[in-house]
């Protein structure tokens, strides 16, 4: 067992057994099972897969104990759904073997789990949200059974709409951004192009295994990073050779892009808990709304000051937003 495809085979083989949870340790090629079956029956299910399965150890969970722990994590920088999504993505590999309860007001996360609390903390630390363990106690029960799988048909329909909106807005913003000599609009169009690619990759991942969805999000993150660097290069070019951005076009197209991205945010918010690829899409769309507002404000400043600097500043700002979003997604893989 050395890749997620074997993990999926094992899950299928044990689907009809009285199993509470499965925890896969691919680096050590070990599977931990919480169950009420005879270990020999479980081994009999695994043997036909020809993966060399054998029983290493069996322990009885103490009477009156679920075998699960409940850990409260303090996360000082978790103050909005965006951070919640990042945390869910960071812990998604544990699947149904953990239960997450978020308290954004108190900036705390409660996790019911079997893996060591330190292992969960190691997953949270790279997010730079200041995570630390407050307390760990025995849990009364394990995670509840997983809900039904997301509606892949509905998810695909949503992604097609998102892809169409962002693809169209990329063309509009790029053409008019060049006509208006606006670094802000050009940078925002590249952001739209990156989002269109994100939704295309996510559409590819619909119905696939969790590792496929993580891969889609990872590719999207790198694409965001590359385009962010390209946008910064364009800002430097315009600063060096000069430009005369047209404020009216900046504001008009900025409003149009804002309407498009708010529509995307509404669509994706209904599906954002359907996998790591959808959560990544939600983060990207939330960033875009901020960028569009910035373009509109920059257009007003260009009109009032008759200077190109507000346009160059917002172009740089959008590129940095794209880069930050890319870094957050890449940390999850």
Protein backbone atom coordinates (compact mmCIF):
# COMPACT_ATOMS: atom_id res chain seq x y z
CA UNK A 1 0.00 0.00 0.00
CA UNK A 2 1.91 3.04 -1.21
CA UNK A 3 -0.59 5.31 -2.95
CA UNK A 4 -4.21 6.55 -2.64
CA UNK A 5 -5.47 4.04 -5.22
CA UNK A 6 -4.73 1.17 -2.81
CA UNK A 7 -6.40 3.19 -0.04
CA UNK A 8 -9.58 3.38 -2.13
CA UNK A 9 -9.47 -0.38 -2.78
CA UNK A 10 -9.21 -1.07 0.95
CA UNK A 11 -12.13 1.24 1.76
CA UNK A 12 -14.25 -0.60 -0.79
CA UNK A 13 -13.23 -4.00 0.58
CA UNK A 14 -14.24 -3.03 4.12
CA UNK A 15 -17.39 -1.13 3.20
CA UNK A 16 -19.73 -3.83 4.57
CA UNK A 17 -17.80 -4.49 7.78
CA UNK A 18 -18.68 -3.01 11.23
CA UNK A 19 -15.89 -0.44 11.05
CA UNK A 20 -16.03 2.85 12.97
CA UNK A 21 -13.01 4.49 11.38
CA UNK A 22 -10.02 3.87 9.12
CA UNK A 23 -6.72 5.73 9.40
CA UNK A 24 -4.14 5.23 6.68
CA UNK A 25 -0.41 5.81 7.25
CA UNK A 26 0.93 5.53 3.70
CA UNK A 27 4.60 6.35 4.52
CA UNK A 28 4.70 3.44 7.01
CA UNK A 29 2.25 1.30 4.99
CA UNK A 30 0.07 0.79 8.05
CA UNK A 31 -3.71 0.82 8.48
CA UNK A 32 -5.39 1.53 11.84
CA UNK A 33 -8.98 0.26 12.16
CA UNK A 34 -11.51 0.92 14.92
CA UNK A 35 -14.05 -1.90 14.65
CA UNK A 36 -16.31 -4.43 16.36
CA UNK A 37 -15.52 -7.30 13.97
CA UNK A 38 -13.23 -10.30 14.33
CA UNK A 39 -9.76 -9.20 13.09
CA UNK A 40 -9.59 -12.44 11.09
CA UNK A 41 -12.71 -11.38 9.16
CA UNK A 42 -11.16 -8.04 8.31
CA UNK A 43 -7.95 -9.73 7.18
CA UNK A 44 -10.00 -12.09 5.02
CA UNK A 45 -11.48 -9.06 3.28
CA UNK A 46 -8.05 -7.55 2.65
CA UNK A 47 -6.15 -10.66 1.54
CA UNK A 48 -7.73 -10.92 -1.96
CA UNK A 49 -6.32 -7.47 -2.77
CA UNK A 50 -2.81 -9.02 -2.82
CA UNK A 51 -1.29 -6.14 -0.88
CA UNK A 52 0.43 -8.41 1.65
CA UNK A 53 -1.88 -7.50 4.54
CA UNK A 54 -1.23 -8.97 7.99
CA UNK A 55 -2.37 -8.21 11.54
CA UNK A 56 0.35 -6.46 13.57
CA UNK A 57 -1.55 -5.62 16.76
CA UNK A 58 -5.06 -5.72 18.20
CA UNK A 59 -6.17 -3.72 21.24
CA UNK A 60 -9.50 -3.62 23.05
CA UNK A 61 -10.88 -0.14 23.63
CA UNK A 62 -11.70 0.30 27.32
CA UNK A 63 -15.30 -0.17 28.44
CA UNK A 64 -17.23 3.09 28.57
CA UNK A 65 -14.69 4.79 26.33
CA UNK A 66 -15.09 5.59 22.66
CA UNK A 67 -11.34 5.38 22.05
CA UNK A 68 -11.44 8.95 20.74
CA UNK A 69 -9.91 12.10 22.17
CA UNK A 70 -11.29 15.62 22.08
CA UNK A 71 -8.74 18.39 21.64
CA UNK A 72 -9.36 22.12 21.74
CA UNK A 73 -6.98 24.20 19.61
CA UNK A 74 -6.52 27.94 20.08
CA UNK A 75 -6.17 29.61 16.66
CA UNK A 76 -5.72 33.38 17.21
CA UNK A 77 -5.71 34.34 13.51
CA UNK A 78 -8.85 32.37 12.61
CA UNK A 79 -11.53 35.06 12.33
CA UNK A 80 -13.47 34.37 9.12
CA UNK A 81 -14.76 31.47 6.96
CA UNK A 82 -11.67 31.72 4.73
CA UNK A 83 -9.42 30.46 7.55
CA UNK A 84 -12.01 27.80 8.41
CA UNK A 85 -11.82 26.54 4.83
CA UNK A 86 -8.02 26.43 4.97
CA UNK A 87 -8.13 24.35 8.15
CA UNK A 88 -10.66 21.91 6.66
CA UNK A 89 -8.41 21.53 3.63
CA UNK A 90 -5.34 20.94 5.82
CA UNK A 91 -7.13 18.15 7.73
CA UNK A 92 -9.15 16.68 4.86
CA UNK A 93 -6.90 13.60 4.59
CA UNK A 94 -8.38 12.30 7.87
CA UNK A 95 -11.83 12.21 6.27
CA UNK A 96 -14.58 10.79 8.49
CA UNK A 97 -12.14 9.80 11.26
CA UNK A 98 -12.24 13.32 12.75
CA UNK A 99 -15.02 15.73 13.68
CA UNK A 100 -14.34 19.47 13.48
CA UNK A 101 -16.29 22.13 15.39
CA UNK A 102 -15.34 25.77 14.74
CA UNK A 103 -15.91 28.68 17.14
CA UNK A 104 -14.86 31.73 15.11
CA UNK A 105 -15.91 34.16 17.87
CA UNK A 106 -13.57 32.54 20.41
CA UNK A 107 -11.07 31.58 17.70
CA UNK A 108 -11.04 27.96 18.79
CA UNK A 109 -11.26 24.62 17.00
CA UNK A 110 -12.52 21.47 18.69
CA UNK A 111 -11.42 18.19 17.12
CA UNK A 112 -12.62 14.67 17.98
CA UNK A 113 -9.89 12.31 16.81
CA UNK A 114 -7.80 9.18 17.30
CA UNK A 115 -4.52 10.35 15.79
CA UNK A 116 -2.14 12.14 18.19
CA UNK A 117 -3.08 15.76 18.84
CA UNK A 118 0.51 16.72 18.00
CA UNK A 119 0.02 15.26 14.51
CA UNK A 120 -3.02 17.48 13.94
CA UNK A 121 -1.09 20.49 15.24
CA UNK A 122 1.68 19.71 12.74
CA UNK A 123 -0.90 19.96 9.94
CA UNK A 124 -2.18 23.31 11.23
CA UNK A 125 1.16 25.02 11.93
CA UNK A 126 2.14 25.68 8.26
CA UNK A 127 -1.02 27.80 7.87
CA UNK A 128 0.59 30.44 10.13
CA UNK A 129 -2.62 31.01 12.10
CA UNK A 130 -0.91 30.66 15.49
CA UNK A 131 -2.46 27.27 16.32
CA UNK A 132 -1.72 25.75 19.72
CA UNK A 133 -3.23 23.00 21.90
CA UNK A 134 -5.39 24.24 24.78
CA UNK A 135 -6.53 20.91 26.23
CA UNK A 136 -7.09 17.25 25.36
CA UNK A 137 -9.70 15.01 27.03
CA UNK A 138 -11.39 11.68 26.30
CA UNK A 139 -14.40 12.01 23.98
CA UNK A 140 -17.76 10.42 24.77
CA UNK A 141 -18.19 9.26 21.17
CA UNK A 142 -16.42 9.22 17.85
CA UNK A 143 -17.25 11.24 14.74
CA UNK A 144 -20.74 10.78 13.35
CA UNK A 145 -21.14 8.90 10.11
CA UNK A 146 -20.34 10.85 7.01
CA UNK A 147 -23.18 12.50 5.19
CA UNK A 148 -24.09 11.55 1.71
CA UNK A 149 -21.57 12.37 -0.99
CA UNK A 150 -21.94 15.74 -2.67
CA UNK A 151 -24.10 15.93 -5.76
CA UNK A 152 -21.44 15.72 -8.46
CA UNK A 153 -23.93 16.66 -11.19
CA UNK A 154 -24.92 19.86 -9.41
CA UNK A 155 -21.28 20.60 -8.62
CA UNK A 156 -20.29 20.21 -12.27
CA UNK A 157 -23.13 22.51 -13.36
CA UNK A 158 -21.95 25.18 -10.94
CA UNK A 159 -18.35 24.88 -12.13
CA UNK A 160 -19.39 25.25 -15.78
CA UNK A 161 -21.17 28.50 -14.94
CA UNK A 162 -18.14 29.76 -13.03
CA UNK A 163 -15.83 28.79 -15.89
CA UNK A 164 -18.02 30.63 -18.43
CA UNK A 165 -18.27 33.81 -16.32
CA UNK A 166 -14.53 34.02 -15.62
CA UNK A 167 -13.52 33.09 -19.17
CA UNK A 168 -15.73 35.83 -20.63
CA UNK A 169 -14.54 38.42 -18.11
CA UNK A 170 -10.89 37.55 -18.80
CA UNK A 171 -11.36 38.41 -22.49
CA UNK A 172 -13.30 41.61 -21.73
CA UNK A 173 -10.86 42.89 -19.10
CA UNK A 174 -7.73 42.02 -21.08
CA UNK A 175 -8.92 43.72 -24.30
CA UNK A 176 -10.32 46.83 -22.62
CA UNK A 177 -7.46 46.93 -20.11
CA UNK A 178 -4.96 47.19 -22.97
CA UNK A 179 -7.13 49.81 -24.68
CA UNK A 180 -7.38 51.78 -21.43
CA UNK A 181 -3.63 51.37 -20.71
CA UNK A 182 -4.60 50.14 -17.25
CA UNK A 183 -2.21 47.90 -15.34
CA UNK A 184 -4.98 47.30 -12.80
CA UNK A 185 -7.41 45.93 -15.38
CA UNK A 186 -4.71 43.82 -17.05
CA UNK A 187 -3.71 42.35 -13.68
CA UNK A 188 -7.36 41.69 -12.83
CA UNK A 189 -7.89 39.99 -16.21
CA UNK A 190 -4.99 37.64 -15.47
CA UNK A 191 -6.67 36.88 -12.16
CA UNK A 192 -9.87 36.05 -14.06
CA UNK A 193 -7.87 33.77 -16.36
CA UNK A 194 -6.37 31.99 -13.36
CA UNK A 195 -9.85 31.51 -11.89
CA UNK A 196 -11.13 30.11 -15.18
CA UNK A 197 -8.29 27.60 -15.06
CA UNK A 198 -9.14 26.80 -11.43
CA UNK A 199 -12.74 26.03 -12.33
CA UNK A 200 -11.66 23.98 -15.34
CA UNK A 201 -9.34 21.90 -13.15
CA UNK A 202 -12.03 21.57 -10.50
CA UNK A 203 -14.48 20.39 -13.16
CA UNK A 204 -11.93 17.71 -14.08
CA UNK A 205 -11.78 16.66 -10.41
CA UNK A 206 -15.56 16.34 -9.86
CA UNK A 207 -16.42 12.79 -8.86
CA UNK A 208 -12.77 11.88 -8.37
CA UNK A 209 -10.96 10.73 -5.26
CA UNK A 210 -9.78 13.19 -2.62
CA UNK A 211 -6.16 13.00 -3.84
CA UNK A 212 -7.29 14.04 -7.35
CA UNK A 213 -9.05 17.08 -5.90
CA UNK A 214 -5.96 18.03 -3.90
CA UNK A 215 -3.88 17.73 -7.07
CA UNK A 216 -6.29 20.04 -8.92
CA UNK A 217 -6.03 22.64 -6.16
CA UNK A 218 -2.22 22.30 -6.16
CA UNK A 219 -1.96 22.91 -9.92
CA UNK A 220 -4.31 25.88 -9.59
CA UNK A 221 -2.13 27.34 -6.86
CA UNK A 222 0.97 27.19 -9.05
CA UNK A 223 -0.94 28.77 -11.94
CA UNK A 224 -1.99 31.62 -9.66
CA UNK A 225 1.65 32.13 -8.63
CA UNK A 226 2.93 32.26 -12.22
CA UNK A 227 0.29 34.79 -13.30
CA UNK A 228 0.95 36.93 -10.23
CA UNK A 229 4.60 37.22 -11.26
CA UNK A 230 3.48 38.09 -14.81
CA UNK A 231 1.23 40.86 -13.49
CA UNK A 232 4.10 42.34 -11.46
CA UNK A 233 6.31 42.34 -14.55
CA UNK A 234 3.59 44.26 -16.46
CA UNK A 235 3.37 46.86 -13.68
CA UNK A 236 7.14 47.37 -13.77
CA UNK A 237 7.03 47.73 -17.57
CA UNK A 238 4.31 50.40 -17.41
CA UNK A 239 6.11 52.24 -14.61
CA UNK A 240 9.33 52.27 -16.66
CA UNK A 241 7.86 53.28 -20.03
CA UNK A 242 4.86 55.25 -18.77
CA UNK A 243 1.10 54.94 -19.34
CA UNK A 244 -2.05 57.09 -19.41
CA UNK A 245 -4.88 54.94 -18.00
CA UNK A 246 -8.47 55.91 -18.86
CA UNK A 247 -10.34 56.25 -15.57
CA UNK A 248 -13.85 55.88 -17.04
CA UNK A 249 -13.05 52.49 -18.57
CA UNK A 250 -11.33 51.39 -15.36
CA UNK A 251 -14.39 52.17 -13.25
CA UNK A 252 -16.92 50.79 -15.73
CA UNK A 253 -15.13 47.48 -16.27
CA UNK A 254 -14.31 47.31 -12.55
CA UNK A 255 -18.03 47.45 -11.70
CA UNK A 256 -18.81 44.80 -14.33
CA UNK A 257 -16.08 42.52 -12.95
CA UNK A 258 -17.36 43.08 -9.40
CA UNK A 259 -20.86 41.98 -10.40
CA UNK A 260 -19.41 38.90 -12.11
CA UNK A 261 -17.31 37.91 -9.09
CA UNK A 262 -20.09 38.46 -6.56
CA UNK A 263 -22.22 36.14 -8.71
CA UNK A 264 -19.40 33.56 -8.63
CA UNK A 265 -19.07 33.91 -4.87
CA UNK A 266 -22.79 33.28 -4.39
CA UNK A 267 -22.63 30.19 -6.62
CA UNK A 268 -19.53 28.70 -5.02
CA UNK A 269 -20.66 29.40 -1.43
CA UNK A 270 -23.38 26.77 -1.92
CA UNK A 271 -20.75 24.13 -2.78
CA UNK A 272 -17.68 25.22 -0.82
CA UNK A 273 -17.76 22.21 1.57
CA UNK A 274 -17.79 19.66 -1.27
CA UNK A 275 -14.06 18.99 -1.42
CA UNK A 276 -10.69 20.69 -1.30
CA UNK A 277 -10.96 21.84 -4.95
CA UNK A 278 -14.24 23.68 -4.25
CA UNK A 279 -12.80 25.29 -1.12
CA UNK A 280 -9.85 26.55 -3.16
CA UNK A 281 -12.29 28.03 -5.68
CA UNK A 282 -14.12 29.84 -2.87
CA UNK A 283 -10.89 31.40 -1.61
CA UNK A 284 -10.01 32.62 -5.11
CA UNK A 285 -13.44 34.22 -5.67
CA UNK A 286 -13.36 36.00 -2.30
CA UNK A 287 -9.98 37.50 -3.24
CA UNK A 288 -11.38 38.69 -6.57
CA UNK A 289 -14.13 40.77 -4.97
CA UNK A 290 -11.50 42.72 -3.02
CA UNK A 291 -9.46 43.23 -6.19
CA UNK A 292 -12.47 44.57 -8.14
CA UNK A 293 -13.26 47.12 -5.44
CA UNK A 294 -9.62 48.21 -5.59
CA UNK A 295 -9.79 48.76 -9.37
CA UNK A 296 -12.90 50.95 -8.99
CA UNK A 297 -11.26 53.06 -6.27
CA UNK A 298 -8.08 53.37 -8.37
CA UNK A 299 -10.18 54.58 -11.32
CA UNK A 300 -11.67 57.32 -9.15
CA UNK A 301 -8.20 58.37 -7.96
CA UNK A 302 -6.84 58.43 -11.53
CA UNK A 303 -9.77 60.69 -12.49
CA UNK A 304 -9.21 63.06 -9.57
CA UNK A 305 -5.40 63.21 -9.61
CA UNK A 306 -4.73 62.79 -13.37
CA UNK A 307 -1.90 60.45 -12.37
CA UNK A 308 -1.17 56.85 -13.40
CA UNK A 309 0.20 55.93 -9.97
CA UNK A 310 -3.13 54.75 -8.48
CA UNK A 311 -3.46 52.33 -11.42
CA UNK A 312 0.08 51.03 -10.95
CA UNK A 313 -0.48 50.66 -7.21
CA UNK A 314 -3.69 48.65 -7.62
CA UNK A 315 -2.01 46.50 -10.28
CA UNK A 316 0.73 45.66 -7.78
CA UNK A 317 -1.83 45.11 -5.01
CA UNK A 318 -3.88 42.67 -7.12
CA UNK A 319 -0.76 40.75 -8.09
CA UNK A 320 0.18 40.41 -4.42
CA UNK A 321 -3.36 39.24 -3.54
CA UNK A 322 -3.13 36.58 -6.24
CA UNK A 323 0.29 35.55 -4.95
CA UNK A 324 -0.94 35.32 -1.35
CA UNK A 325 -3.91 33.19 -2.39
CA UNK A 326 -1.57 30.90 -4.31
CA UNK A 327 0.73 30.50 -1.29
CA UNK A 328 -2.20 29.60 0.97
CA UNK A 329 -3.38 26.88 -1.41
CA UNK A 330 0.12 25.47 -1.99
CA UNK A 331 0.64 25.10 1.77
CA UNK A 332 -2.14 22.53 1.82
CA UNK A 333 -0.41 19.96 -0.37
